[in-house]
Amino acid sequence: MLAQPVVRLASLADAGAIAALSRDTIETGLPWTWRPERVANAIRDPNTNVVVVGPREALEGFGIMIYREDDAHLVLFAVHLAKRRQGIASTMLLWLEDVARAAGCRRIRLEARRDNVAGRNFYSEHGYHERAIDKDRYHQGVDGVRLEKWLQSGTPEPSPDA
């Protein structure tokens, strides 16, 4: 049995490893926009949680979630290819959802590449619903899918344009 992954808040020293993992797993084939300085800015931002699993020299996964009023936005989320299917992503996502609930967020929103079937299935398995397709969201010919999850029971489902 595998040990439960340990989620920790990222430090500024993790910014380079997070940026590299983003480049190699999320931004593949797209312009690299989450460079170390941008990640460092997210780590410094009091309205953002940046979490990681694994040591800096061998980062296994990370997530970046921004909190705005009563909504949270999962901006980036990735697990190293060699570490997938070990519970790392689920552990990080549940940690971030718990924090969002504690912060009073009603829902979490995120976007995924339309061609990221594994990622979309992962979010679906965790209660996220696809709300809309965004043509050319990421780059020429790379569509996005907007997803969301309502965190508080009894919250009405809004229209897809909300």
Protein backbone atom coordinates (compact mmCIF):
# COMPACT_ATOMS: atom_id res chain seq x y z
CA MET A 1 0.00 0.00 0.00
CA LEU A 2 1.29 3.44 -0.92
CA ALA A 3 1.75 6.08 1.76
CA GLN A 4 -0.72 8.97 1.75
CA PRO A 5 0.82 11.92 -0.14
CA VAL A 6 1.67 14.92 2.04
CA VAL A 7 0.33 18.23 0.78
CA ARG A 8 2.23 21.34 1.83
CA LEU A 9 2.08 25.01 0.95
CA ALA A 10 4.70 25.90 -1.63
CA SER A 11 7.61 28.13 -0.74
CA LEU A 12 9.32 30.58 -3.06
CA ALA A 13 12.08 27.99 -3.49
CA ASP A 14 9.49 25.71 -5.18
CA ALA A 15 8.63 28.24 -7.92
CA GLY A 16 11.16 26.94 -10.46
CA ALA A 17 10.09 23.32 -10.08
CA ILE A 18 6.39 24.27 -10.31
CA ALA A 19 7.03 26.33 -13.45
CA ALA A 20 8.97 23.47 -15.06
CA LEU A 21 6.23 20.95 -14.24
CA SER A 22 3.62 23.33 -15.67
CA ARG A 23 5.67 23.74 -18.86
CA ASP A 24 6.14 19.99 -19.25
CA THR A 25 2.64 18.77 -18.34
CA ILE A 26 0.09 21.56 -18.80
CA GLU A 27 1.56 24.01 -21.26
CA THR A 28 2.94 21.42 -23.68
CA GLY A 29 2.45 22.74 -27.21
CA LEU A 30 1.38 26.15 -25.88
CA PRO A 31 3.35 29.28 -25.08
CA TRP A 32 5.01 28.88 -21.66
CA THR A 33 3.35 31.53 -19.48
CA TRP A 34 3.75 30.14 -15.95
CA ARG A 35 7.43 30.92 -15.58
CA PRO A 36 9.14 30.96 -12.15
CA GLU A 37 8.45 34.66 -11.45
CA ARG A 38 4.73 34.29 -12.18
CA VAL A 39 4.56 31.24 -9.91
CA ALA A 40 6.47 33.17 -7.22
CA ASN A 41 3.91 35.98 -7.48
CA ALA A 42 1.12 33.44 -6.95
CA ILE A 43 2.94 32.04 -3.90
CA ARG A 44 3.21 35.58 -2.45
CA ASP A 45 -0.45 36.44 -3.17
CA PRO A 46 -2.56 36.29 0.03
CA ASN A 47 -5.65 35.32 -2.03
CA THR A 48 -3.96 32.31 -3.61
CA ASN A 49 -2.93 28.90 -2.31
CA VAL A 50 -0.10 27.15 -4.07
CA VAL A 51 0.30 23.58 -2.83
CA VAL A 52 2.80 20.89 -3.69
CA VAL A 53 3.51 17.23 -3.03
CA GLY A 54 7.08 16.02 -2.92
CA PRO A 55 10.46 17.59 -2.25
CA ARG A 56 11.64 20.57 -4.29
CA GLU A 57 14.23 18.47 -6.13
CA ALA A 58 11.62 15.87 -7.12
CA LEU A 59 8.26 17.65 -7.16
CA GLU A 60 5.43 15.16 -7.73
CA GLY A 61 2.53 17.56 -8.19
CA PHE A 62 1.14 21.02 -7.55
CA GLY A 63 -2.04 23.06 -7.56
CA ILE A 64 -2.70 26.80 -7.70
CA MET A 65 -6.08 28.06 -6.49
CA ILE A 66 -7.20 31.70 -6.39
CA TYR A 67 -9.96 32.82 -4.01
CA ARG A 68 -12.26 35.65 -5.12
CA GLU A 69 -15.21 36.58 -2.93
CA ASP A 70 -17.20 33.37 -2.57
CA ASP A 71 -15.72 31.52 -5.55
CA ALA A 72 -12.44 29.70 -6.01
CA HIS A 73 -10.64 29.21 -9.31
CA LEU A 74 -8.28 26.27 -9.76
CA VAL A 75 -5.84 27.94 -12.13
CA LEU A 76 -3.22 25.19 -12.55
CA PHE A 77 -3.12 21.59 -11.41
CA ALA A 78 -0.65 18.90 -12.41
CA VAL A 79 1.02 15.67 -11.36
CA HIS A 80 4.31 14.46 -12.81
CA LEU A 81 3.62 11.81 -15.47
CA ALA A 82 5.63 9.14 -13.60
CA LYS A 83 3.65 9.77 -10.39
CA ARG A 84 0.11 9.59 -11.76
CA ARG A 85 -2.47 7.03 -10.57
CA GLN A 86 -1.02 7.07 -7.04
CA GLY A 87 -3.59 9.29 -5.34
CA ILE A 88 -1.53 12.47 -5.47
CA ALA A 89 -4.01 14.46 -7.56
CA SER A 90 -7.00 13.34 -5.49
CA THR A 91 -5.22 14.21 -2.24
CA MET A 92 -4.27 17.68 -3.49
CA LEU A 93 -7.74 18.36 -4.90
CA LEU A 94 -9.50 17.31 -1.69
CA TRP A 95 -7.10 19.50 0.33
CA LEU A 96 -7.85 22.50 -1.89
CA GLU A 97 -11.60 21.83 -1.75
CA ASP A 98 -11.49 21.68 2.06
CA VAL A 99 -9.69 25.02 2.19
CA ALA A 100 -12.19 26.56 -0.25
CA ARG A 101 -15.08 25.36 1.94
CA ALA A 102 -13.39 26.76 5.05
CA ALA A 103 -12.96 30.09 3.23
CA GLY A 104 -16.71 30.17 2.54
CA CYS A 105 -16.50 29.51 -1.20
CA ARG A 106 -19.68 28.33 -2.88
CA ARG A 107 -17.98 26.72 -5.85
CA ILE A 108 -14.72 25.96 -7.58
CA ARG A 109 -14.24 26.74 -11.24
CA LEU A 110 -11.51 25.49 -13.55
CA GLU A 111 -10.65 25.04 -17.20
CA ALA A 112 -9.15 22.05 -18.95
CA ARG A 113 -7.97 21.47 -22.47
CA ARG A 114 -10.72 19.82 -24.48
CA ASP A 115 -8.31 17.11 -25.61
CA ASN A 116 -7.33 16.30 -21.99
CA VAL A 117 -9.76 13.40 -21.66
CA ALA A 118 -7.98 11.89 -18.64
CA GLY A 119 -8.10 15.21 -16.79
CA ARG A 120 -11.74 15.81 -17.63
CA ASN A 121 -12.60 12.29 -16.44
CA PHE A 122 -10.64 12.90 -13.21
CA TYR A 123 -12.62 16.06 -12.46
CA SER A 124 -15.90 14.34 -13.34
CA GLU A 125 -15.09 11.54 -10.88
CA HIS A 126 -14.63 14.24 -8.23
CA GLY A 127 -18.01 15.86 -8.84
CA TYR A 128 -17.11 18.58 -11.35
CA HIS A 129 -19.52 19.32 -14.17
CA GLU A 130 -18.65 20.55 -17.63
CA ARG A 131 -20.43 23.84 -18.26
CA ALA A 132 -19.15 25.18 -21.60
CA ILE A 133 -16.68 24.74 -24.44
CA ASP A 134 -14.40 27.71 -25.17
CA LYS A 135 -13.15 27.68 -28.77
CA ASP A 136 -9.43 28.48 -29.10
CA ARG A 137 -9.19 29.07 -25.33
CA TYR A 138 -5.50 28.26 -25.09
CA HIS A 139 -3.99 28.69 -28.51
CA GLN A 140 -4.90 28.31 -32.14
CA GLY A 141 -7.07 25.24 -32.39
CA VAL A 142 -6.79 24.28 -28.69
CA ASP A 143 -10.26 24.45 -27.16
CA GLY A 144 -10.98 24.61 -23.47
CA VAL A 145 -13.73 23.18 -21.30
CA ARG A 146 -15.07 25.14 -18.33
CA LEU A 147 -15.91 22.99 -15.31
CA GLU A 148 -17.27 23.74 -11.86
CA LYS A 149 -18.21 22.09 -8.62
CA TRP A 150 -20.67 23.45 -6.09
CA LEU A 151 -19.32 22.98 -2.58
CA GLN A 152 -22.32 23.82 -0.44
CA SER A 153 -25.32 21.51 -0.51
CA GLY A 154 -28.57 23.07 -1.58
CA THR A 155 -26.82 25.62 -3.79
CA PRO A 156 -28.81 26.03 -7.00
CA GLU A 157 -27.08 25.19 -10.24
CA PRO A 158 -26.72 28.37 -12.32
CA SER A 159 -27.03 28.59 -16.04
CA PRO A 160 -23.87 27.73 -18.03
CA ASP A 161 -23.23 31.43 -18.64
CA ALA A 162 -23.18 32.39 -14.95
